[in-house]
Amino acid sequence: VFCMYTAQGTHQPGWLASQADMLAE
């Protein structure tokens, strides 16, 4: 699973990319 390390210092499993994230360069 993709996880995000957040600005609050926690690990959030289940991160989902937005369309903007998927198209970003």
PDBML (XML) file of the C-alpha atoms, coordinates in Angstrom:
<?xml version="1.0" encoding="UTF-8" ?>
<PDBx:datablock datablockName="MODEL"
   xmlns:PDBx="http://pdbml.pdb.org/schema/pdbx-v50.xsd"
   xmlns:xsi="http://www.w3.org/2001/XMLSchema-instance"
   xsi:schemaLocation="http://pdbml.pdb.org/schema/pdbx-v50.xsd pdbx-v50.xsd">
   <PDBx:atom_siteCategory>
      <PDBx:atom_site id="1">
         <PDBx:B_iso_or_equiv>0.00</PDBx:B_iso_or_equiv>
         <PDBx:Cartn_x>0.000</PDBx:Cartn_x>
         <PDBx:Cartn_y>0.000</PDBx:Cartn_y>
         <PDBx:Cartn_z>0.000</PDBx:Cartn_z>
         <PDBx:auth_asym_id>A</PDBx:auth_asym_id>
         <PDBx:auth_atom_id>CA</PDBx:auth_atom_id>
         <PDBx:auth_comp_id>VAL</PDBx:auth_comp_id>
         <PDBx:auth_seq_id>1</PDBx:auth_seq_id>
         <PDBx:group_PDB>ATOM</PDBx:group_PDB>
         <PDBx:label_alt_id xsi:nil="true" />
         <PDBx:label_asym_id>A</PDBx:label_asym_id>
         <PDBx:label_atom_id>CA</PDBx:label_atom_id>
         <PDBx:label_comp_id>VAL</PDBx:label_comp_id>
         <PDBx:label_entity_id>1</PDBx:label_entity_id>
         <PDBx:label_seq_id>1</PDBx:label_seq_id>
         <PDBx:occupancy>1.00</PDBx:occupancy>
         <PDBx:pdbx_PDB_model_num>1</PDBx:pdbx_PDB_model_num>
         <PDBx:type_symbol>C</PDBx:type_symbol>
      </PDBx:atom_site>
      <PDBx:atom_site id="2">
         <PDBx:B_iso_or_equiv>0.00</PDBx:B_iso_or_equiv>
         <PDBx:Cartn_x>1.095</PDBx:Cartn_x>
         <PDBx:Cartn_y>3.590</PDBx:Cartn_y>
         <PDBx:Cartn_z>-0.594</PDBx:Cartn_z>
         <PDBx:auth_asym_id>A</PDBx:auth_asym_id>
         <PDBx:auth_atom_id>CA</PDBx:auth_atom_id>
         <PDBx:auth_comp_id>PHE</PDBx:auth_comp_id>
         <PDBx:auth_seq_id>2</PDBx:auth_seq_id>
         <PDBx:group_PDB>ATOM</PDBx:group_PDB>
         <PDBx:label_alt_id xsi:nil="true" />
         <PDBx:label_asym_id>A</PDBx:label_asym_id>
         <PDBx:label_atom_id>CA</PDBx:label_atom_id>
         <PDBx:label_comp_id>PHE</PDBx:label_comp_id>
         <PDBx:label_entity_id>1</PDBx:label_entity_id>
         <PDBx:label_seq_id>2</PDBx:label_seq_id>
         <PDBx:occupancy>1.00</PDBx:occupancy>
         <PDBx:pdbx_PDB_model_num>1</PDBx:pdbx_PDB_model_num>
         <PDBx:type_symbol>C</PDBx:type_symbol>
      </PDBx:atom_site>
      <PDBx:atom_site id="3">
         <PDBx:B_iso_or_equiv>0.00</PDBx:B_iso_or_equiv>
         <PDBx:Cartn_x>1.585</PDBx:Cartn_x>
         <PDBx:Cartn_y>5.480</PDBx:Cartn_y>
         <PDBx:Cartn_z>2.674</PDBx:Cartn_z>
         <PDBx:auth_asym_id>A</PDBx:auth_asym_id>
         <PDBx:auth_atom_id>CA</PDBx:auth_atom_id>
         <PDBx:auth_comp_id>CYS</PDBx:auth_comp_id>
         <PDBx:auth_seq_id>3</PDBx:auth_seq_id>
         <PDBx:group_PDB>ATOM</PDBx:group_PDB>
         <PDBx:label_alt_id xsi:nil="true" />
         <PDBx:label_asym_id>A</PDBx:label_asym_id>
         <PDBx:label_atom_id>CA</PDBx:label_atom_id>
         <PDBx:label_comp_id>CYS</PDBx:label_comp_id>
         <PDBx:label_entity_id>1</PDBx:label_entity_id>
         <PDBx:label_seq_id>3</PDBx:label_seq_id>
         <PDBx:occupancy>1.00</PDBx:occupancy>
         <PDBx:pdbx_PDB_model_num>1</PDBx:pdbx_PDB_model_num>
         <PDBx:type_symbol>C</PDBx:type_symbol>
      </PDBx:atom_site>
      <PDBx:atom_site id="4">
         <PDBx:B_iso_or_equiv>0.00</PDBx:B_iso_or_equiv>
         <PDBx:Cartn_x>2.008</PDBx:Cartn_x>
         <PDBx:Cartn_y>9.190</PDBx:Cartn_y>
         <PDBx:Cartn_z>3.282</PDBx:Cartn_z>
         <PDBx:auth_asym_id>A</PDBx:auth_asym_id>
         <PDBx:auth_atom_id>CA</PDBx:auth_atom_id>
         <PDBx:auth_comp_id>MET</PDBx:auth_comp_id>
         <PDBx:auth_seq_id>4</PDBx:auth_seq_id>
         <PDBx:group_PDB>ATOM</PDBx:group_PDB>
         <PDBx:label_alt_id xsi:nil="true" />
         <PDBx:label_asym_id>A</PDBx:label_asym_id>
         <PDBx:label_atom_id>CA</PDBx:label_atom_id>
         <PDBx:label_comp_id>MET</PDBx:label_comp_id>
         <PDBx:label_entity_id>1</PDBx:label_entity_id>
         <PDBx:label_seq_id>4</PDBx:label_seq_id>
         <PDBx:occupancy>1.00</PDBx:occupancy>
         <PDBx:pdbx_PDB_model_num>1</PDBx:pdbx_PDB_model_num>
         <PDBx:type_symbol>C</PDBx:type_symbol>
      </PDBx:atom_site>
      <PDBx:atom_site id="5">
         <PDBx:B_iso_or_equiv>0.00</PDBx:B_iso_or_equiv>
         <PDBx:Cartn_x>4.249</PDBx:Cartn_x>
         <PDBx:Cartn_y>10.668</PDBx:Cartn_y>
         <PDBx:Cartn_z>5.945</PDBx:Cartn_z>
         <PDBx:auth_asym_id>A</PDBx:auth_asym_id>
         <PDBx:auth_atom_id>CA</PDBx:auth_atom_id>
         <PDBx:auth_comp_id>TYR</PDBx:auth_comp_id>
         <PDBx:auth_seq_id>5</PDBx:auth_seq_id>
         <PDBx:group_PDB>ATOM</PDBx:group_PDB>
         <PDBx:label_alt_id xsi:nil="true" />
         <PDBx:label_asym_id>A</PDBx:label_asym_id>
         <PDBx:label_atom_id>CA</PDBx:label_atom_id>
         <PDBx:label_comp_id>TYR</PDBx:label_comp_id>
         <PDBx:label_entity_id>1</PDBx:label_entity_id>
         <PDBx:label_seq_id>5</PDBx:label_seq_id>
         <PDBx:occupancy>1.00</PDBx:occupancy>
         <PDBx:pdbx_PDB_model_num>1</PDBx:pdbx_PDB_model_num>
         <PDBx:type_symbol>C</PDBx:type_symbol>
      </PDBx:atom_site>
      <PDBx:atom_site id="6">
         <PDBx:B_iso_or_equiv>0.00</PDBx:B_iso_or_equiv>
         <PDBx:Cartn_x>2.198</PDBx:Cartn_x>
         <PDBx:Cartn_y>13.698</PDBx:Cartn_y>
         <PDBx:Cartn_z>6.972</PDBx:Cartn_z>
         <PDBx:auth_asym_id>A</PDBx:auth_asym_id>
         <PDBx:auth_atom_id>CA</PDBx:auth_atom_id>
         <PDBx:auth_comp_id>THR</PDBx:auth_comp_id>
         <PDBx:auth_seq_id>6</PDBx:auth_seq_id>
         <PDBx:group_PDB>ATOM</PDBx:group_PDB>
         <PDBx:label_alt_id xsi:nil="true" />
         <PDBx:label_asym_id>A</PDBx:label_asym_id>
         <PDBx:label_atom_id>CA</PDBx:label_atom_id>
         <PDBx:label_comp_id>THR</PDBx:label_comp_id>
         <PDBx:label_entity_id>1</PDBx:label_entity_id>
         <PDBx:label_seq_id>6</PDBx:label_seq_id>
         <PDBx:occupancy>1.00</PDBx:occupancy>
         <PDBx:pdbx_PDB_model_num>1</PDBx:pdbx_PDB_model_num>
         <PDBx:type_symbol>C</PDBx:type_symbol>
      </PDBx:atom_site>
      <PDBx:atom_site id="7">
         <PDBx:B_iso_or_equiv>0.00</PDBx:B_iso_or_equiv>
         <PDBx:Cartn_x>3.153</PDBx:Cartn_x>
         <PDBx:Cartn_y>17.198</PDBx:Cartn_y>
         <PDBx:Cartn_z>8.089</PDBx:Cartn_z>
         <PDBx:auth_asym_id>A</PDBx:auth_asym_id>
         <PDBx:auth_atom_id>CA</PDBx:auth_atom_id>
         <PDBx:auth_comp_id>ALA</PDBx:auth_comp_id>
         <PDBx:auth_seq_id>7</PDBx:auth_seq_id>
         <PDBx:group_PDB>ATOM</PDBx:group_PDB>
         <PDBx:label_alt_id xsi:nil="true" />
         <PDBx:label_asym_id>A</PDBx:label_asym_id>
         <PDBx:label_atom_id>CA</PDBx:label_atom_id>
         <PDBx:label_comp_id>ALA</PDBx:label_comp_id>
         <PDBx:label_entity_id>1</PDBx:label_entity_id>
         <PDBx:label_seq_id>7</PDBx:label_seq_id>
         <PDBx:occupancy>1.00</PDBx:occupancy>
         <PDBx:pdbx_PDB_model_num>1</PDBx:pdbx_PDB_model_num>
         <PDBx:type_symbol>C</PDBx:type_symbol>
      </PDBx:atom_site>
      <PDBx:atom_site id="8">
         <PDBx:B_iso_or_equiv>0.00</PDBx:B_iso_or_equiv>
         <PDBx:Cartn_x>1.977</PDBx:Cartn_x>
         <PDBx:Cartn_y>16.169</PDBx:Cartn_y>
         <PDBx:Cartn_z>11.582</PDBx:Cartn_z>
         <PDBx:auth_asym_id>A</PDBx:auth_asym_id>
         <PDBx:auth_atom_id>CA</PDBx:auth_atom_id>
         <PDBx:auth_comp_id>GLN</PDBx:auth_comp_id>
         <PDBx:auth_seq_id>8</PDBx:auth_seq_id>
         <PDBx:group_PDB>ATOM</PDBx:group_PDB>
         <PDBx:label_alt_id xsi:nil="true" />
         <PDBx:label_asym_id>A</PDBx:label_asym_id>
         <PDBx:label_atom_id>CA</PDBx:label_atom_id>
         <PDBx:label_comp_id>GLN</PDBx:label_comp_id>
         <PDBx:label_entity_id>1</PDBx:label_entity_id>
         <PDBx:label_seq_id>8</PDBx:label_seq_id>
         <PDBx:occupancy>1.00</PDBx:occupancy>
         <PDBx:pdbx_PDB_model_num>1</PDBx:pdbx_PDB_model_num>
         <PDBx:type_symbol>C</PDBx:type_symbol>
      </PDBx:atom_site>
      <PDBx:atom_site id="9">
         <PDBx:B_iso_or_equiv>0.00</PDBx:B_iso_or_equiv>
         <PDBx:Cartn_x>4.613</PDBx:Cartn_x>
         <PDBx:Cartn_y>13.418</PDBx:Cartn_y>
         <PDBx:Cartn_z>11.713</PDBx:Cartn_z>
         <PDBx:auth_asym_id>A</PDBx:auth_asym_id>
         <PDBx:auth_atom_id>CA</PDBx:auth_atom_id>
         <PDBx:auth_comp_id>GLY</PDBx:auth_comp_id>
         <PDBx:auth_seq_id>9</PDBx:auth_seq_id>
         <PDBx:group_PDB>ATOM</PDBx:group_PDB>
         <PDBx:label_alt_id xsi:nil="true" />
         <PDBx:label_asym_id>A</PDBx:label_asym_id>
         <PDBx:label_atom_id>CA</PDBx:label_atom_id>
         <PDBx:label_comp_id>GLY</PDBx:label_comp_id>
         <PDBx:label_entity_id>1</PDBx:label_entity_id>
         <PDBx:label_seq_id>9</PDBx:label_seq_id>
         <PDBx:occupancy>1.00</PDBx:occupancy>
         <PDBx:pdbx_PDB_model_num>1</PDBx:pdbx_PDB_model_num>
         <PDBx:type_symbol>C</PDBx:type_symbol>
      </PDBx:atom_site>
      <PDBx:atom_site id="10">
         <PDBx:B_iso_or_equiv>0.00</PDBx:B_iso_or_equiv>
         <PDBx:Cartn_x>2.244</PDBx:Cartn_x>
         <PDBx:Cartn_y>10.463</PDBx:Cartn_y>
         <PDBx:Cartn_z>11.333</PDBx:Cartn_z>
         <PDBx:auth_asym_id>A</PDBx:auth_asym_id>
         <PDBx:auth_atom_id>CA</PDBx:auth_atom_id>
         <PDBx:auth_comp_id>THR</PDBx:auth_comp_id>
         <PDBx:auth_seq_id>10</PDBx:auth_seq_id>
         <PDBx:group_PDB>ATOM</PDBx:group_PDB>
         <PDBx:label_alt_id xsi:nil="true" />
         <PDBx:label_asym_id>A</PDBx:label_asym_id>
         <PDBx:label_atom_id>CA</PDBx:label_atom_id>
         <PDBx:label_comp_id>THR</PDBx:label_comp_id>
         <PDBx:label_entity_id>1</PDBx:label_entity_id>
         <PDBx:label_seq_id>10</PDBx:label_seq_id>
         <PDBx:occupancy>1.00</PDBx:occupancy>
         <PDBx:pdbx_PDB_model_num>1</PDBx:pdbx_PDB_model_num>
         <PDBx:type_symbol>C</PDBx:type_symbol>
      </PDBx:atom_site>
      <PDBx:atom_site id="11">
         <PDBx:B_iso_or_equiv>0.00</PDBx:B_iso_or_equiv>
         <PDBx:Cartn_x>2.130</PDBx:Cartn_x>
         <PDBx:Cartn_y>7.681</PDBx:Cartn_y>
         <PDBx:Cartn_z>8.754</PDBx:Cartn_z>
         <PDBx:auth_asym_id>A</PDBx:auth_asym_id>
         <PDBx:auth_atom_id>CA</PDBx:auth_atom_id>
         <PDBx:auth_comp_id>HIS</PDBx:auth_comp_id>
         <PDBx:auth_seq_id>11</PDBx:auth_seq_id>
         <PDBx:group_PDB>ATOM</PDBx:group_PDB>
         <PDBx:label_alt_id xsi:nil="true" />
         <PDBx:label_asym_id>A</PDBx:label_asym_id>
         <PDBx:label_atom_id>CA</PDBx:label_atom_id>
         <PDBx:label_comp_id>HIS</PDBx:label_comp_id>
         <PDBx:label_entity_id>1</PDBx:label_entity_id>
         <PDBx:label_seq_id>11</PDBx:label_seq_id>
         <PDBx:occupancy>1.00</PDBx:occupancy>
         <PDBx:pdbx_PDB_model_num>1</PDBx:pdbx_PDB_model_num>
         <PDBx:type_symbol>C</PDBx:type_symbol>
      </PDBx:atom_site>
      <PDBx:atom_site id="12">
         <PDBx:B_iso_or_equiv>0.00</PDBx:B_iso_or_equiv>
         <PDBx:Cartn_x>-1.138</PDBx:Cartn_x>
         <PDBx:Cartn_y>7.458</PDBx:Cartn_y>
         <PDBx:Cartn_z>6.829</PDBx:Cartn_z>
         <PDBx:auth_asym_id>A</PDBx:auth_asym_id>
         <PDBx:auth_atom_id>CA</PDBx:auth_atom_id>
         <PDBx:auth_comp_id>GLN</PDBx:auth_comp_id>
         <PDBx:auth_seq_id>12</PDBx:auth_seq_id>
         <PDBx:group_PDB>ATOM</PDBx:group_PDB>
         <PDBx:label_alt_id xsi:nil="true" />
         <PDBx:label_asym_id>A</PDBx:label_asym_id>
         <PDBx:label_atom_id>CA</PDBx:label_atom_id>
         <PDBx:label_comp_id>GLN</PDBx:label_comp_id>
         <PDBx:label_entity_id>1</PDBx:label_entity_id>
         <PDBx:label_seq_id>12</PDBx:label_seq_id>
         <PDBx:occupancy>1.00</PDBx:occupancy>
         <PDBx:pdbx_PDB_model_num>1</PDBx:pdbx_PDB_model_num>
         <PDBx:type_symbol>C</PDBx:type_symbol>
      </PDBx:atom_site>
      <PDBx:atom_site id="13">
         <PDBx:B_iso_or_equiv>0.00</PDBx:B_iso_or_equiv>
         <PDBx:Cartn_x>-1.641</PDBx:Cartn_x>
         <PDBx:Cartn_y>4.161</PDBx:Cartn_y>
         <PDBx:Cartn_z>4.955</PDBx:Cartn_z>
         <PDBx:auth_asym_id>A</PDBx:auth_asym_id>
         <PDBx:auth_atom_id>CA</PDBx:auth_atom_id>
         <PDBx:auth_comp_id>PRO</PDBx:auth_comp_id>
         <PDBx:auth_seq_id>13</PDBx:auth_seq_id>
         <PDBx:group_PDB>ATOM</PDBx:group_PDB>
         <PDBx:label_alt_id xsi:nil="true" />
         <PDBx:label_asym_id>A</PDBx:label_asym_id>
         <PDBx:label_atom_id>CA</PDBx:label_atom_id>
         <PDBx:label_comp_id>PRO</PDBx:label_comp_id>
         <PDBx:label_entity_id>1</PDBx:label_entity_id>
         <PDBx:label_seq_id>13</PDBx:label_seq_id>
         <PDBx:occupancy>1.00</PDBx:occupancy>
         <PDBx:pdbx_PDB_model_num>1</PDBx:pdbx_PDB_model_num>
         <PDBx:type_symbol>C</PDBx:type_symbol>
      </PDBx:atom_site>
      <PDBx:atom_site id="14">
         <PDBx:B_iso_or_equiv>0.00</PDBx:B_iso_or_equiv>
         <PDBx:Cartn_x>-3.905</PDBx:Cartn_x>
         <PDBx:Cartn_y>4.084</PDBx:Cartn_y>
         <PDBx:Cartn_z>1.937</PDBx:Cartn_z>
         <PDBx:auth_asym_id>A</PDBx:auth_asym_id>
         <PDBx:auth_atom_id>CA</PDBx:auth_atom_id>
         <PDBx:auth_comp_id>GLY</PDBx:auth_comp_id>
         <PDBx:auth_seq_id>14</PDBx:auth_seq_id>
         <PDBx:group_PDB>ATOM</PDBx:group_PDB>
         <PDBx:label_alt_id xsi:nil="true" />
         <PDBx:label_asym_id>A</PDBx:label_asym_id>
         <PDBx:label_atom_id>CA</PDBx:label_atom_id>
         <PDBx:label_comp_id>GLY</PDBx:label_comp_id>
         <PDBx:label_entity_id>1</PDBx:label_entity_id>
         <PDBx:label_seq_id>14</PDBx:label_seq_id>
         <PDBx:occupancy>1.00</PDBx:occupancy>
         <PDBx:pdbx_PDB_model_num>1</PDBx:pdbx_PDB_model_num>
         <PDBx:type_symbol>C</PDBx:type_symbol>
      </PDBx:atom_site>
      <PDBx:atom_site id="15">
         <PDBx:B_iso_or_equiv>0.00</PDBx:B_iso_or_equiv>
         <PDBx:Cartn_x>-2.797</PDBx:Cartn_x>
         <PDBx:Cartn_y>7.318</PDBx:Cartn_y>
         <PDBx:Cartn_z>0.254</PDBx:Cartn_z>
         <PDBx:auth_asym_id>A</PDBx:auth_asym_id>
         <PDBx:auth_atom_id>CA</PDBx:auth_atom_id>
         <PDBx:auth_comp_id>TRP</PDBx:auth_comp_id>
         <PDBx:auth_seq_id>15</PDBx:auth_seq_id>
         <PDBx:group_PDB>ATOM</PDBx:group_PDB>
         <PDBx:label_alt_id xsi:nil="true" />
         <PDBx:label_asym_id>A</PDBx:label_asym_id>
         <PDBx:label_atom_id>CA</PDBx:label_atom_id>
         <PDBx:label_comp_id>TRP</PDBx:label_comp_id>
         <PDBx:label_entity_id>1</PDBx:label_entity_id>
         <PDBx:label_seq_id>15</PDBx:label_seq_id>
         <PDBx:occupancy>1.00</PDBx:occupancy>
         <PDBx:pdbx_PDB_model_num>1</PDBx:pdbx_PDB_model_num>
         <PDBx:type_symbol>C</PDBx:type_symbol>
      </PDBx:atom_site>
      <PDBx:atom_site id="16">
         <PDBx:B_iso_or_equiv>0.00</PDBx:B_iso_or_equiv>
         <PDBx:Cartn_x>-4.570</PDBx:Cartn_x>
         <PDBx:Cartn_y>7.839</PDBx:Cartn_y>
         <PDBx:Cartn_z>-3.076</PDBx:Cartn_z>
         <PDBx:auth_asym_id>A</PDBx:auth_asym_id>
         <PDBx:auth_atom_id>CA</PDBx:auth_atom_id>
         <PDBx:auth_comp_id>LEU</PDBx:auth_comp_id>
         <PDBx:auth_seq_id>16</PDBx:auth_seq_id>
         <PDBx:group_PDB>ATOM</PDBx:group_PDB>
         <PDBx:label_alt_id xsi:nil="true" />
         <PDBx:label_asym_id>A</PDBx:label_asym_id>
         <PDBx:label_atom_id>CA</PDBx:label_atom_id>
         <PDBx:label_comp_id>LEU</PDBx:label_comp_id>
         <PDBx:label_entity_id>1</PDBx:label_entity_id>
         <PDBx:label_seq_id>16</PDBx:label_seq_id>
         <PDBx:occupancy>1.00</PDBx:occupancy>
         <PDBx:pdbx_PDB_model_num>1</PDBx:pdbx_PDB_model_num>
         <PDBx:type_symbol>C</PDBx:type_symbol>
      </PDBx:atom_site>
      <PDBx:atom_site id="17">
         <PDBx:B_iso_or_equiv>0.00</PDBx:B_iso_or_equiv>
         <PDBx:Cartn_x>-3.224</PDBx:Cartn_x>
         <PDBx:Cartn_y>10.003</PDBx:Cartn_y>
         <PDBx:Cartn_z>-5.887</PDBx:Cartn_z>
         <PDBx:auth_asym_id>A</PDBx:auth_asym_id>
         <PDBx:auth_atom_id>CA</PDBx:auth_atom_id>
         <PDBx:auth_comp_id>ALA</PDBx:auth_comp_id>
         <PDBx:auth_seq_id>17</PDBx:auth_seq_id>
         <PDBx:group_PDB>ATOM</PDBx:group_PDB>
         <PDBx:label_alt_id xsi:nil="true" />
         <PDBx:label_asym_id>A</PDBx:label_asym_id>
         <PDBx:label_atom_id>CA</PDBx:label_atom_id>
         <PDBx:label_comp_id>ALA</PDBx:label_comp_id>
         <PDBx:label_entity_id>1</PDBx:label_entity_id>
         <PDBx:label_seq_id>17</PDBx:label_seq_id>
         <PDBx:occupancy>1.00</PDBx:occupancy>
         <PDBx:pdbx_PDB_model_num>1</PDBx:pdbx_PDB_model_num>
         <PDBx:type_symbol>C</PDBx:type_symbol>
      </PDBx:atom_site>
      <PDBx:atom_site id="18">
         <PDBx:B_iso_or_equiv>0.00</PDBx:B_iso_or_equiv>
         <PDBx:Cartn_x>-5.515</PDBx:Cartn_x>
         <PDBx:Cartn_y>12.682</PDBx:Cartn_y>
         <PDBx:Cartn_z>-7.262</PDBx:Cartn_z>
         <PDBx:auth_asym_id>A</PDBx:auth_asym_id>
         <PDBx:auth_atom_id>CA</PDBx:auth_atom_id>
         <PDBx:auth_comp_id>SER</PDBx:auth_comp_id>
         <PDBx:auth_seq_id>18</PDBx:auth_seq_id>
         <PDBx:group_PDB>ATOM</PDBx:group_PDB>
         <PDBx:label_alt_id xsi:nil="true" />
         <PDBx:label_asym_id>A</PDBx:label_asym_id>
         <PDBx:label_atom_id>CA</PDBx:label_atom_id>
         <PDBx:label_comp_id>SER</PDBx:label_comp_id>
         <PDBx:label_entity_id>1</PDBx:label_entity_id>
         <PDBx:label_seq_id>18</PDBx:label_seq_id>
         <PDBx:occupancy>1.00</PDBx:occupancy>
         <PDBx:pdbx_PDB_model_num>1</PDBx:pdbx_PDB_model_num>
         <PDBx:type_symbol>C</PDBx:type_symbol>
      </PDBx:atom_site>
      <PDBx:atom_site id="19">
         <PDBx:B_iso_or_equiv>0.00</PDBx:B_iso_or_equiv>
         <PDBx:Cartn_x>-5.786</PDBx:Cartn_x>
         <PDBx:Cartn_y>13.240</PDBx:Cartn_y>
         <PDBx:Cartn_z>-11.004</PDBx:Cartn_z>
         <PDBx:auth_asym_id>A</PDBx:auth_asym_id>
         <PDBx:auth_atom_id>CA</PDBx:auth_atom_id>
         <PDBx:auth_comp_id>GLN</PDBx:auth_comp_id>
         <PDBx:auth_seq_id>19</PDBx:auth_seq_id>
         <PDBx:group_PDB>ATOM</PDBx:group_PDB>
         <PDBx:label_alt_id xsi:nil="true" />
         <PDBx:label_asym_id>A</PDBx:label_asym_id>
         <PDBx:label_atom_id>CA</PDBx:label_atom_id>
         <PDBx:label_comp_id>GLN</PDBx:label_comp_id>
         <PDBx:label_entity_id>1</PDBx:label_entity_id>
         <PDBx:label_seq_id>19</PDBx:label_seq_id>
         <PDBx:occupancy>1.00</PDBx:occupancy>
         <PDBx:pdbx_PDB_model_num>1</PDBx:pdbx_PDB_model_num>
         <PDBx:type_symbol>C</PDBx:type_symbol>
      </PDBx:atom_site>
      <PDBx:atom_site id="20">
         <PDBx:B_iso_or_equiv>0.00</PDBx:B_iso_or_equiv>
         <PDBx:Cartn_x>-3.549</PDBx:Cartn_x>
         <PDBx:Cartn_y>16.277</PDBx:Cartn_y>
         <PDBx:Cartn_z>-10.549</PDBx:Cartn_z>
         <PDBx:auth_asym_id>A</PDBx:auth_asym_id>
         <PDBx:auth_atom_id>CA</PDBx:auth_atom_id>
         <PDBx:auth_comp_id>ALA</PDBx:auth_comp_id>
         <PDBx:auth_seq_id>20</PDBx:auth_seq_id>
         <PDBx:group_PDB>ATOM</PDBx:group_PDB>
         <PDBx:label_alt_id xsi:nil="true" />
         <PDBx:label_asym_id>A</PDBx:label_asym_id>
         <PDBx:label_atom_id>CA</PDBx:label_atom_id>
         <PDBx:label_comp_id>ALA</PDBx:label_comp_id>
         <PDBx:label_entity_id>1</PDBx:label_entity_id>
         <PDBx:label_seq_id>20</PDBx:label_seq_id>
         <PDBx:occupancy>1.00</PDBx:occupancy>
         <PDBx:pdbx_PDB_model_num>1</PDBx:pdbx_PDB_model_num>
         <PDBx:type_symbol>C</PDBx:type_symbol>
      </PDBx:atom_site>
      <PDBx:atom_site id="21">
         <PDBx:B_iso_or_equiv>0.00</PDBx:B_iso_or_equiv>
         <PDBx:Cartn_x>-0.957</PDBx:Cartn_x>
         <PDBx:Cartn_y>14.096</PDBx:Cartn_y>
         <PDBx:Cartn_z>-8.773</PDBx:Cartn_z>
         <PDBx:auth_asym_id>A</PDBx:auth_asym_id>
         <PDBx:auth_atom_id>CA</PDBx:auth_atom_id>
         <PDBx:auth_comp_id>ASP</PDBx:auth_comp_id>
         <PDBx:auth_seq_id>21</PDBx:auth_seq_id>
         <PDBx:group_PDB>ATOM</PDBx:group_PDB>
         <PDBx:label_alt_id xsi:nil="true" />
         <PDBx:label_asym_id>A</PDBx:label_asym_id>
         <PDBx:label_atom_id>CA</PDBx:label_atom_id>
         <PDBx:label_comp_id>ASP</PDBx:label_comp_id>
         <PDBx:label_entity_id>1</PDBx:label_entity_id>
         <PDBx:label_seq_id>21</PDBx:label_seq_id>
         <PDBx:occupancy>1.00</PDBx:occupancy>
         <PDBx:pdbx_PDB_model_num>1</PDBx:pdbx_PDB_model_num>
         <PDBx:type_symbol>C</PDBx:type_symbol>
      </PDBx:atom_site>
      <PDBx:atom_site id="22">
         <PDBx:B_iso_or_equiv>0.00</PDBx:B_iso_or_equiv>
         <PDBx:Cartn_x>-1.063</PDBx:Cartn_x>
         <PDBx:Cartn_y>11.485</PDBx:Cartn_y>
         <PDBx:Cartn_z>-11.545</PDBx:Cartn_z>
         <PDBx:auth_asym_id>A</PDBx:auth_asym_id>
         <PDBx:auth_atom_id>CA</PDBx:auth_atom_id>
         <PDBx:auth_comp_id>MET</PDBx:auth_comp_id>
         <PDBx:auth_seq_id>22</PDBx:auth_seq_id>
         <PDBx:group_PDB>ATOM</PDBx:group_PDB>
         <PDBx:label_alt_id xsi:nil="true" />
         <PDBx:label_asym_id>A</PDBx:label_asym_id>
         <PDBx:label_atom_id>CA</PDBx:label_atom_id>
         <PDBx:label_comp_id>MET</PDBx:label_comp_id>
         <PDBx:label_entity_id>1</PDBx:label_entity_id>
         <PDBx:label_seq_id>22</PDBx:label_seq_id>
         <PDBx:occupancy>1.00</PDBx:occupancy>
         <PDBx:pdbx_PDB_model_num>1</PDBx:pdbx_PDB_model_num>
         <PDBx:type_symbol>C</PDBx:type_symbol>
      </PDBx:atom_site>
      <PDBx:atom_site id="23">
         <PDBx:B_iso_or_equiv>0.00</PDBx:B_iso_or_equiv>
         <PDBx:Cartn_x>-0.588</PDBx:Cartn_x>
         <PDBx:Cartn_y>14.084</PDBx:Cartn_y>
         <PDBx:Cartn_z>-14.296</PDBx:Cartn_z>
         <PDBx:auth_asym_id>A</PDBx:auth_asym_id>
         <PDBx:auth_atom_id>CA</PDBx:auth_atom_id>
         <PDBx:auth_comp_id>LEU</PDBx:auth_comp_id>
         <PDBx:auth_seq_id>23</PDBx:auth_seq_id>
         <PDBx:group_PDB>ATOM</PDBx:group_PDB>
         <PDBx:label_alt_id xsi:nil="true" />
         <PDBx:label_asym_id>A</PDBx:label_asym_id>
         <PDBx:label_atom_id>CA</PDBx:label_atom_id>
         <PDBx:label_comp_id>LEU</PDBx:label_comp_id>
         <PDBx:label_entity_id>1</PDBx:label_entity_id>
         <PDBx:label_seq_id>23</PDBx:label_seq_id>
         <PDBx:occupancy>1.00</PDBx:occupancy>
         <PDBx:pdbx_PDB_model_num>1</PDBx:pdbx_PDB_model_num>
         <PDBx:type_symbol>C</PDBx:type_symbol>
      </PDBx:atom_site>
      <PDBx:atom_site id="24">
         <PDBx:B_iso_or_equiv>0.00</PDBx:B_iso_or_equiv>
         <PDBx:Cartn_x>2.051</PDBx:Cartn_x>
         <PDBx:Cartn_y>16.159</PDBx:Cartn_y>
         <PDBx:Cartn_z>-12.490</PDBx:Cartn_z>
         <PDBx:auth_asym_id>A</PDBx:auth_asym_id>
         <PDBx:auth_atom_id>CA</PDBx:auth_atom_id>
         <PDBx:auth_comp_id>ALA</PDBx:auth_comp_id>
         <PDBx:auth_seq_id>24</PDBx:auth_seq_id>
         <PDBx:group_PDB>ATOM</PDBx:group_PDB>
         <PDBx:label_alt_id xsi:nil="true" />
         <PDBx:label_asym_id>A</PDBx:label_asym_id>
         <PDBx:label_atom_id>CA</PDBx:label_atom_id>
         <PDBx:label_comp_id>ALA</PDBx:label_comp_id>
         <PDBx:label_entity_id>1</PDBx:label_entity_id>
         <PDBx:label_seq_id>24</PDBx:label_seq_id>
         <PDBx:occupancy>1.00</PDBx:occupancy>
         <PDBx:pdbx_PDB_model_num>1</PDBx:pdbx_PDB_model_num>
         <PDBx:type_symbol>C</PDBx:type_symbol>
      </PDBx:atom_site>
      <PDBx:atom_site id="25">
         <PDBx:B_iso_or_equiv>0.00</PDBx:B_iso_or_equiv>
         <PDBx:Cartn_x>5.635</PDBx:Cartn_x>
         <PDBx:Cartn_y>16.362</PDBx:Cartn_y>
         <PDBx:Cartn_z>-13.711</PDBx:Cartn_z>
         <PDBx:auth_asym_id>A</PDBx:auth_asym_id>
         <PDBx:auth_atom_id>CA</PDBx:auth_atom_id>
         <PDBx:auth_comp_id>GLU</PDBx:auth_comp_id>
         <PDBx:auth_seq_id>25</PDBx:auth_seq_id>
         <PDBx:group_PDB>ATOM</PDBx:group_PDB>
         <PDBx:label_alt_id xsi:nil="true" />
         <PDBx:label_asym_id>A</PDBx:label_asym_id>
         <PDBx:label_atom_id>CA</PDBx:label_atom_id>
         <PDBx:label_comp_id>GLU</PDBx:label_comp_id>
         <PDBx:label_entity_id>1</PDBx:label_entity_id>
         <PDBx:label_seq_id>25</PDBx:label_seq_id>
         <PDBx:occupancy>1.00</PDBx:occupancy>
         <PDBx:pdbx_PDB_model_num>1</PDBx:pdbx_PDB_model_num>
         <PDBx:type_symbol>C</PDBx:type_symbol>
      </PDBx:atom_site>
   </PDBx:atom_siteCategory>
</PDBx:datablock>
